[in-house]
Structure formats: C-alpha cells, structure tokens
Amino acid sequence: MSMSRELIGDFLLSPDWTDAEKWVIRWQAGVLGDFQQALAEAMGRADDGNLGKLATAFPVQADGFVAWNRGDLGQRLRKAGLEI
C-alpha cells in the first residue's frame, strides 16, 4: 500500500467514517494485529452462512468487510483520497 501514515491517521480520526470503515482502512493499510488480520482472511474465505456467524461475534468488522467486498466502500475511499 502506498498510503502515508499521516493520511491514514487523518481518516482514522475523522468523524466522517464509521468504525467499520476505519477497520477496513487499517486492514487495507496492513496495520491490523495478527488476530484481526486472520479474521479478515477468514471472512474472505467464508460462505454467507459462516460470514453471518462471524458477524454475530464481530459485527463491526463484518460490516466493514461486506461494505468493502460487496459494496462501494473502496470507491468512496479512493474518491476521498486513499490509494487503495
């Protein structure tokens, strides 16, 4: 990723983005801890039923994952200035 720490910090401190969206920013910037990174990988491998189970335990992360993977979050972040 070619995102600067300063730019990432600006997004993470902004009230314009939800906690789920900020989780995606950290994920895409490669700054999640080991567990959170493994969780993102598990969500990427999960079918809809298992993704639903993960969402029960990790709703913020699942909301972010779905917004990124199936929604327009990537486009919105790029439009806002993140190179992801």
PDB file of N, CA and C in Angstrom:
ATOM      1  N   MET A   1       0.843  -1.179   0.000  1.00  0.00           N
ATOM      2  CA  MET A   1       0.000   0.000   0.000  1.00  0.00           C
ATOM      3  C   MET A   1       0.885   1.237   0.000  1.00  0.00           C
ATOM      4  N   SER A   2       0.483   2.238  -0.721  1.00  0.00           N
ATOM      5  CA  SER A   2       1.270   3.460  -0.768  1.00  0.00           C
ATOM      6  C   SER A   2       0.593   4.588   0.014  1.00  0.00           C
ATOM      7  N   MET A   3      -0.074   4.242   1.085  1.00  0.00           N
ATOM      8  CA  MET A   3      -0.736   5.245   1.901  1.00  0.00           C
ATOM      9  C   MET A   3       0.232   5.748   2.962  1.00  0.00           C
ATOM     10  N   SER A   4       0.256   7.054   3.141  1.00  0.00           N
ATOM     11  CA  SER A   4       1.111   7.603   4.189  1.00  0.00           C
ATOM     12  C   SER A   4       0.440   7.442   5.542  1.00  0.00           C
ATOM     13  N   ARG A   5       1.256   7.344   6.569  1.00  0.00           N
ATOM     14  CA  ARG A   5       0.722   7.239   7.934  1.00  0.00           C
ATOM     15  C   ARG A   5      -0.124   8.458   8.280  1.00  0.00           C
ATOM     16  N   GLU A   6       0.313   9.625   7.825  1.00  0.00           N
ATOM     17  CA  GLU A   6      -0.419  10.853   8.114  1.00  0.00           C
ATOM     18  C   GLU A   6      -1.816  10.803   7.491  1.00  0.00           C
ATOM     19  N   LEU A   7      -1.895  10.377   6.254  1.00  0.00           N
ATOM     20  CA  LEU A   7      -3.190  10.286   5.575  1.00  0.00           C
ATOM     21  C   LEU A   7      -4.088   9.252   6.247  1.00  0.00           C
ATOM     22  N   ILE A   8      -3.521   8.113   6.590  1.00  0.00           N
ATOM     23  CA  ILE A   8      -4.290   7.084   7.299  1.00  0.00           C
ATOM     24  C   ILE A   8      -4.804   7.652   8.615  1.00  0.00           C
ATOM     25  N   GLY A   9      -3.941   8.335   9.347  1.00  0.00           N
ATOM     26  CA  GLY A   9      -4.336   8.930  10.620  1.00  0.00           C
ATOM     27  C   GLY A   9      -5.466   9.925  10.455  1.00  0.00           C
ATOM     28  N   ASP A  10      -5.404  10.722   9.402  1.00  0.00           N
ATOM     29  CA  ASP A  10      -6.481  11.683   9.149  1.00  0.00           C
ATOM     30  C   ASP A  10      -7.818  10.968   8.975  1.00  0.00           C
ATOM     31  N   PHE A  11      -7.822   9.885   8.239  1.00  0.00           N
ATOM     32  CA  PHE A  11      -9.050   9.124   8.025  1.00  0.00           C
ATOM     33  C   PHE A  11      -9.521   8.466   9.323  1.00  0.00           C
ATOM     34  N   LEU A  12      -8.582   7.915  10.078  1.00  0.00           N
ATOM     35  CA  LEU A  12      -8.954   7.219  11.307  1.00  0.00           C
ATOM     36  C   LEU A  12      -9.459   8.167  12.391  1.00  0.00           C
ATOM     37  N   LEU A  13      -9.055   9.409  12.353  1.00  0.00           N
ATOM     38  CA  LEU A  13      -9.517  10.388  13.331  1.00  0.00           C
ATOM     39  C   LEU A  13     -10.771  11.138  12.890  1.00  0.00           C
ATOM     40  N   SER A  14     -11.122  11.000  11.637  1.00  0.00           N
ATOM     41  CA  SER A  14     -12.258  11.732  11.087  1.00  0.00           C
ATOM     42  C   SER A  14     -13.591  11.158  11.563  1.00  0.00           C
ATOM     43  N   PRO A  15     -14.530  12.023  11.930  1.00  0.00           N
ATOM     44  CA  PRO A  15     -15.866  11.548  12.287  1.00  0.00           C
ATOM     45  C   PRO A  15     -16.697  11.174  11.056  1.00  0.00           C
ATOM     46  N   ASP A  16     -16.144  11.395   9.864  1.00  0.00           N
ATOM     47  CA  ASP A  16     -16.870  11.119   8.625  1.00  0.00           C
ATOM     48  C   ASP A  16     -16.933   9.640   8.271  1.00  0.00           C
ATOM     49  N   TRP A  17     -16.132   8.839   8.949  1.00  0.00           N
ATOM     50  CA  TRP A  17     -16.060   7.409   8.640  1.00  0.00           C
ATOM     51  C   TRP A  17     -16.504   6.606   9.857  1.00  0.00           C
ATOM     52  N   THR A  18     -17.228   5.522   9.608  1.00  0.00           N
ATOM     53  CA  THR A  18     -17.702   4.670  10.699  1.00  0.00           C
ATOM     54  C   THR A  18     -16.564   3.813  11.234  1.00  0.00           C
ATOM     55  N   ASP A  19     -16.793   3.193  12.376  1.00  0.00           N
ATOM     56  CA  ASP A  19     -15.793   2.266  12.927  1.00  0.00           C
ATOM     57  C   ASP A  19     -15.535   1.129  11.954  1.00  0.00           C
ATOM     58  N   ALA A  20     -16.568   0.649  11.283  1.00  0.00           N
ATOM     59  CA  ALA A  20     -16.401  -0.434  10.314  1.00  0.00           C
ATOM     60  C   ALA A  20     -15.527   0.017   9.147  1.00  0.00           C
ATOM     61  N   GLU A  21     -15.751   1.229   8.663  1.00  0.00           N
ATOM     62  CA  GLU A  21     -14.943   1.744   7.558  1.00  0.00           C
ATOM     63  C   GLU A  21     -13.506   1.970   7.994  1.00  0.00           C
ATOM     64  N   LYS A  22     -13.312   2.425   9.216  1.00  0.00           N
ATOM     65  CA  LYS A  22     -11.955   2.625   9.735  1.00  0.00           C
ATOM     66  C   LYS A  22     -11.233   1.296   9.904  1.00  0.00           C
ATOM     67  N   TRP A  23     -11.975   0.240  10.259  1.00  0.00           N
ATOM     68  CA  TRP A  23     -11.362  -1.084  10.347  1.00  0.00           C
ATOM     69  C   TRP A  23     -10.845  -1.505   8.968  1.00  0.00           C
ATOM     70  N   VAL A  24     -11.631  -1.240   7.937  1.00  0.00           N
ATOM     71  CA  VAL A  24     -11.203  -1.577   6.569  1.00  0.00           C
ATOM     72  C   VAL A  24      -9.949  -0.782   6.192  1.00  0.00           C
ATOM     73  N   ILE A  25      -9.909   0.476   6.557  1.00  0.00           N
ATOM     74  CA  ILE A  25      -8.725   1.290   6.250  1.00  0.00           C
ATOM     75  C   ILE A  25      -7.487   0.671   6.896  1.00  0.00           C
ATOM     76  N   ARG A  26      -7.602   0.301   8.164  1.00  0.00           N
ATOM     77  CA  ARG A  26      -6.462  -0.348   8.844  1.00  0.00           C
ATOM     78  C   ARG A  26      -6.108  -1.678   8.179  1.00  0.00           C
ATOM     79  N   TRP A  27      -7.129  -2.434   7.785  1.00  0.00           N
ATOM     80  CA  TRP A  27      -6.911  -3.721   7.109  1.00  0.00           C
ATOM     81  C   TRP A  27      -6.168  -3.501   5.792  1.00  0.00           C
ATOM     82  N   GLN A  28      -6.669  -2.600   4.976  1.00  0.00           N
ATOM     83  CA  GLN A  28      -6.063  -2.369   3.669  1.00  0.00           C
ATOM     84  C   GLN A  28      -4.686  -1.713   3.769  1.00  0.00           C
ATOM     85  N   ALA A  29      -4.442  -0.990   4.857  1.00  0.00           N
ATOM     86  CA  ALA A  29      -3.129  -0.379   5.070  1.00  0.00           C
ATOM     87  C   ALA A  29      -2.133  -1.365   5.667  1.00  0.00           C
ATOM     88  N   GLY A  30      -2.626  -2.540   6.070  1.00  0.00           N
ATOM     89  CA  GLY A  30      -1.745  -3.559   6.618  1.00  0.00           C
ATOM     90  C   GLY A  30      -1.312  -3.292   8.045  1.00  0.00           C
ATOM     91  N   VAL A  31      -2.159  -2.607   8.815  1.00  0.00           N
ATOM     92  CA  VAL A  31      -1.778  -2.282  10.180  1.00  0.00           C
ATOM     93  C   VAL A  31      -2.667  -2.956  11.226  1.00  0.00           C
ATOM     94  N   LEU A  32      -3.400  -3.962  10.838  1.00  0.00           N
ATOM     95  CA  LEU A  32      -4.167  -4.736  11.816  1.00  0.00           C
ATOM     96  C   LEU A  32      -3.231  -5.662  12.578  1.00  0.00           C
ATOM     97  N   GLY A  33      -3.600  -6.002  13.789  1.00  0.00           N
ATOM     98  CA  GLY A  33      -2.868  -7.007  14.541  1.00  0.00           C
ATOM     99  C   GLY A  33      -3.089  -8.384  13.935  1.00  0.00           C
ATOM    100  N   ASP A  34      -2.364  -9.360  14.431  1.00  0.00           N
ATOM    101  CA  ASP A  34      -2.436 -10.714  13.881  1.00  0.00           C
ATOM    102  C   ASP A  34      -3.841 -11.302  13.915  1.00  0.00           C
ATOM    103  N   PHE A  35      -4.535 -11.157  15.035  1.00  0.00           N
ATOM    104  CA  PHE A  35      -5.873 -11.722  15.137  1.00  0.00           C
ATOM    105  C   PHE A  35      -6.825 -11.065  14.148  1.00  0.00           C
ATOM    106  N   GLN A  36      -6.796  -9.733  14.092  1.00  0.00           N
ATOM    107  CA  GLN A  36      -7.694  -9.020  13.184  1.00  0.00           C
ATOM    108  C   GLN A  36      -7.379  -9.349  11.721  1.00  0.00           C
ATOM    109  N   GLN A  37      -6.111  -9.514  11.401  1.00  0.00           N
ATOM    110  CA  GLN A  37      -5.733  -9.900  10.037  1.00  0.00           C
ATOM    111  C   GLN A  37      -6.268 -11.295   9.720  1.00  0.00           C
ATOM    112  N   ALA A  38      -6.138 -12.220  10.661  1.00  0.00           N
ATOM    113  CA  ALA A  38      -6.663 -13.570  10.460  1.00  0.00           C
ATOM    114  C   ALA A  38      -8.186 -13.539  10.322  1.00  0.00           C
ATOM    115  N   LEU A  39      -8.837 -12.662  11.070  1.00  0.00           N
ATOM    116  CA  LEU A  39     -10.281 -12.514  10.972  1.00  0.00           C
ATOM    117  C   LEU A  39     -10.674 -12.030   9.577  1.00  0.00           C
ATOM    118  N   ALA A  40      -9.969 -11.053   9.049  1.00  0.00           N
ATOM    119  CA  ALA A  40     -10.239 -10.567   7.692  1.00  0.00           C
ATOM    120  C   ALA A  40     -10.060 -11.694   6.673  1.00  0.00           C
ATOM    121  N   GLU A  41      -9.019 -12.487   6.850  1.00  0.00           N
ATOM    122  CA  GLU A  41      -8.785 -13.613   5.945  1.00  0.00           C
ATOM    123  C   GLU A  41      -9.901 -14.644   6.059  1.00  0.00           C
ATOM    124  N   ALA A  42     -10.349 -14.907   7.276  1.00  0.00           N
ATOM    125  CA  ALA A  42     -11.447 -15.855   7.480  1.00  0.00           C
ATOM    126  C   ALA A  42     -12.722 -15.351   6.819  1.00  0.00           C
ATOM    127  N   MET A  43     -12.990 -14.076   6.937  1.00  0.00           N
ATOM    128  CA  MET A  43     -14.179 -13.510   6.298  1.00  0.00           C
ATOM    129  C   MET A  43     -14.095 -13.636   4.789  1.00  0.00           C
ATOM    130  N   GLY A  44     -12.902 -13.491   4.253  1.00  0.00           N
ATOM    131  CA  GLY A  44     -12.705 -13.634   2.814  1.00  0.00           C
ATOM    132  C   GLY A  44     -12.929 -15.050   2.321  1.00  0.00           C
ATOM    133  N   ARG A  45     -12.743 -16.014   3.182  1.00  0.00           N
ATOM    134  CA  ARG A  45     -12.920 -17.425   2.813  1.00  0.00           C
ATOM    135  C   ARG A  45     -14.302 -17.958   3.156  1.00  0.00           C
ATOM    136  N   ALA A  46     -15.046 -17.229   3.970  1.00  0.00           N
ATOM    137  CA  ALA A  46     -16.322 -17.720   4.495  1.00  0.00           C
ATOM    138  C   ALA A  46     -17.435 -17.656   3.444  1.00  0.00           C
ATOM    139  N   ASP A  47     -18.297 -18.668   3.475  1.00  0.00           N
ATOM    140  CA  ASP A  47     -19.522 -18.583   2.690  1.00  0.00           C
ATOM    141  C   ASP A  47     -20.493 -17.688   3.450  1.00  0.00           C
ATOM    142  N   ASP A  48     -21.655 -17.416   2.865  1.00  0.00           N
ATOM    143  CA  ASP A  48     -22.588 -16.485   3.504  1.00  0.00           C
ATOM    144  C   ASP A  48     -23.017 -16.938   4.896  1.00  0.00           C
ATOM    145  N   GLY A  49     -23.234 -18.222   5.079  1.00  0.00           N
ATOM    146  CA  GLY A  49     -23.646 -18.725   6.388  1.00  0.00           C
ATOM    147  C   GLY A  49     -22.590 -18.510   7.447  1.00  0.00           C
ATOM    148  N   ASN A  50     -21.353 -18.825   7.108  1.00  0.00           N
ATOM    149  CA  ASN A  50     -20.268 -18.635   8.076  1.00  0.00           C
ATOM    150  C   ASN A  50     -19.920 -17.169   8.263  1.00  0.00           C
ATOM    151  N   LEU A  51     -20.088 -16.365   7.231  1.00  0.00           N
ATOM    152  CA  LEU A  51     -19.884 -14.932   7.390  1.00  0.00           C
ATOM    153  C   LEU A  51     -20.928 -14.372   8.358  1.00  0.00           C
ATOM    154  N   GLY A  52     -22.138 -14.891   8.285  1.00  0.00           N
ATOM    155  CA  GLY A  52     -23.176 -14.483   9.234  1.00  0.00           C
ATOM    156  C   GLY A  52     -22.808 -14.843  10.663  1.00  0.00           C
ATOM    157  N   LYS A  53     -22.210 -15.999  10.850  1.00  0.00           N
ATOM    158  CA  LYS A  53     -21.774 -16.402  12.195  1.00  0.00           C
ATOM    159  C   LYS A  53     -20.649 -15.494  12.693  1.00  0.00           C
ATOM    160  N   LEU A  54     -19.720 -15.179  11.814  1.00  0.00           N
ATOM    161  CA  LEU A  54     -18.648 -14.257  12.198  1.00  0.00           C
ATOM    162  C   LEU A  54     -19.219 -12.882  12.519  1.00  0.00           C
ATOM    163  N   ALA A  55     -20.239 -12.472  11.780  1.00  0.00           N
ATOM    164  CA  ALA A  55     -20.855 -11.164  12.016  1.00  0.00           C
ATOM    165  C   ALA A  55     -21.523 -11.092  13.381  1.00  0.00           C
ATOM    166  N   THR A  56     -22.011 -12.221  13.870  1.00  0.00           N
ATOM    167  CA  THR A  56     -22.614 -12.242  15.200  1.00  0.00           C
ATOM    168  C   THR A  56     -21.583 -11.888  16.269  1.00  0.00           C
ATOM    169  N   ALA A  57     -20.390 -12.418  16.109  1.00  0.00           N
ATOM    170  CA  ALA A  57     -19.329 -12.173  17.094  1.00  0.00           C
ATOM    171  C   ALA A  57     -18.547 -10.892  16.813  1.00  0.00           C
ATOM    172  N   PHE A  58     -18.441 -10.516  15.547  1.00  0.00           N
ATOM    173  CA  PHE A  58     -17.612  -9.371  15.145  1.00  0.00           C
ATOM    174  C   PHE A  58     -18.402  -8.472  14.182  1.00  0.00           C
ATOM    175  N   PRO A  59     -19.445  -7.814  14.685  1.00  0.00           N
ATOM    176  CA  PRO A  59     -20.320  -7.045  13.786  1.00  0.00           C
ATOM    177  C   PRO A  59     -19.641  -5.868  13.092  1.00  0.00           C
ATOM    178  N   VAL A  60     -18.782  -5.169  13.768  1.00  0.00           N
ATOM    179  CA  VAL A  60     -18.110  -4.013  13.153  1.00  0.00           C
ATOM    180  C   VAL A  60     -17.236  -4.470  11.999  1.00  0.00           C
ATOM    181  N   GLN A  61     -16.436  -5.490  12.252  1.00  0.00           N
ATOM    182  CA  GLN A  61     -15.536  -5.988  11.223  1.00  0.00           C
ATOM    183  C   GLN A  61     -16.315  -6.576  10.047  1.00  0.00           C
ATOM    184  N   ALA A  62     -17.372  -7.309  10.334  1.00  0.00           N
ATOM    185  CA  ALA A  62     -18.172  -7.904   9.262  1.00  0.00           C
ATOM    186  C   ALA A  62     -18.854  -6.813   8.430  1.00  0.00           C
ATOM    187  N   ASP A  63     -19.366  -5.784   9.081  1.00  0.00           N
ATOM    188  CA  ASP A  63     -19.975  -4.675   8.339  1.00  0.00           C
ATOM    189  C   ASP A  63     -18.946  -4.032   7.407  1.00  0.00           C
ATOM    190  N   GLY A  64     -17.748  -3.822   7.914  1.00  0.00           N
ATOM    191  CA  GLY A  64     -16.689  -3.249   7.094  1.00  0.00           C
ATOM    192  C   GLY A  64     -16.308  -4.163   5.941  1.00  0.00           C
ATOM    193  N   PHE A  65     -16.160  -5.446   6.241  1.00  0.00           N
ATOM    194  CA  PHE A  65     -15.786  -6.410   5.204  1.00  0.00           C
ATOM    195  C   PHE A  65     -16.820  -6.419   4.083  1.00  0.00           C
ATOM    196  N   VAL A  66     -18.087  -6.473   4.441  1.00  0.00           N
ATOM    197  CA  VAL A  66     -19.151  -6.520   3.432  1.00  0.00           C
ATOM    198  C   VAL A  66     -19.185  -5.219   2.632  1.00  0.00           C
ATOM    199  N   ALA A  67     -19.021  -4.084   3.306  1.00  0.00           N
ATOM    200  CA  ALA A  67     -19.009  -2.802   2.599  1.00  0.00           C
ATOM    201  C   ALA A  67     -17.851  -2.733   1.607  1.00  0.00           C
ATOM    202  N   TRP A  68     -16.719  -3.320   1.976  1.00  0.00           N
ATOM    203  CA  TRP A  68     -15.552  -3.329   1.099  1.00  0.00           C
ATOM    204  C   TRP A  68     -15.707  -4.352  -0.019  1.00  0.00           C
ATOM    205  N   ASN A  69     -16.130  -5.545   0.343  1.00  0.00           N
ATOM    206  CA  ASN A  69     -16.142  -6.661  -0.596  1.00  0.00           C
ATOM    207  C   ASN A  69     -17.354  -6.673  -1.523  1.00  0.00           C
ATOM    208  N   ARG A  70     -18.474  -6.168  -1.048  1.00  0.00           N
ATOM    209  CA  ARG A  70     -19.712  -6.238  -1.835  1.00  0.00           C
ATOM    210  C   ARG A  70     -20.350  -4.878  -2.087  1.00  0.00           C
ATOM    211  N   GLY A  71     -19.828  -3.875  -1.435  1.00  0.00           N
ATOM    212  CA  GLY A  71     -20.409  -2.547  -1.556  1.00  0.00           C
ATOM    213  C   GLY A  71     -19.473  -1.587  -2.282  1.00  0.00           C
ATOM    214  N   ASP A  72     -19.668  -0.316  -2.031  1.00  0.00           N
ATOM    215  CA  ASP A  72     -18.900   0.708  -2.735  1.00  0.00           C
ATOM    216  C   ASP A  72     -17.850   1.394  -1.863  1.00  0.00           C
ATOM    217  N   LEU A  73     -17.501   0.776  -0.743  1.00  0.00           N
ATOM    218  CA  LEU A  73     -16.550   1.411   0.173  1.00  0.00           C
ATOM    219  C   LEU A  73     -15.213   1.704  -0.501  1.00  0.00           C
ATOM    220  N   GLY A  74     -14.712   0.791  -1.285  1.00  0.00           N
ATOM    221  CA  GLY A  74     -13.443   1.028  -1.977  1.00  0.00           C
ATOM    222  C   GLY A  74     -13.504   2.268  -2.851  1.00  0.00           C
ATOM    223  N   GLN A  75     -14.573   2.412  -3.600  1.00  0.00           N
ATOM    224  CA  GLN A  75     -14.741   3.595  -4.454  1.00  0.00           C
ATOM    225  C   GLN A  75     -14.806   4.871  -3.627  1.00  0.00           C
ATOM    226  N   ARG A  76     -15.568   4.832  -2.531  1.00  0.00           N
ATOM    227  CA  ARG A  76     -15.702   6.029  -1.694  1.00  0.00           C
ATOM    228  C   ARG A  76     -14.377   6.427  -1.061  1.00  0.00           C
ATOM    229  N   LEU A  77     -13.599   5.455  -0.621  1.00  0.00           N
ATOM    230  CA  LEU A  77     -12.300   5.757  -0.023  1.00  0.00           C
ATOM    231  C   LEU A  77     -11.334   6.311  -1.063  1.00  0.00           C
ATOM    232  N   ARG A  78     -11.337   5.726  -2.250  1.00  0.00           N
ATOM    233  CA  ARG A  78     -10.466   6.247  -3.315  1.00  0.00           C
ATOM    234  C   ARG A  78     -10.881   7.664  -3.715  1.00  0.00           C
ATOM    235  N   LYS A  79     -12.178   7.895  -3.809  1.00  0.00           N
ATOM    236  CA  LYS A  79     -12.678   9.235  -4.137  1.00  0.00           C
ATOM    237  C   LYS A  79     -12.262  10.248  -3.072  1.00  0.00           C
ATOM    238  N   ALA A  80     -12.183   9.800  -1.823  1.00  0.00           N
ATOM    239  CA  ALA A  80     -11.779  10.674  -0.716  1.00  0.00           C
ATOM    240  C   ALA A  80     -10.276  10.868  -0.641  1.00  0.00           C
ATOM    241  N   GLY A  81      -9.508  10.118  -1.438  1.00  0.00           N
ATOM    242  CA  GLY A  81      -8.074  10.355  -1.499  1.00  0.00           C
ATOM    243  C   GLY A  81      -7.167   9.222  -1.076  1.00  0.00           C
ATOM    244  N   LEU A  82      -7.715   8.077  -0.647  1.00  0.00           N
ATOM    245  CA  LEU A  82      -6.866   6.932  -0.289  1.00  0.00           C
ATOM    246  C   LEU A  82      -6.561   6.110  -1.525  1.00  0.00           C
ATOM    247  N   GLU A  83      -5.327   5.720  -1.681  1.00  0.00           N
ATOM    248  CA  GLU A  83      -4.916   4.912  -2.824  1.00  0.00           C
ATOM    249  C   GLU A  83      -5.014   3.440  -2.467  1.00  0.00           C
ATOM    250  N   ILE A  84      -6.242   2.940  -2.490  1.00  0.00           N
ATOM    251  CA  ILE A  84      -6.464   1.528  -2.179  1.00  0.00           C
ATOM    252  C   ILE A  84      -7.316   0.881  -3.239  1.00  0.00           C
TER     253      ILE A  84
END
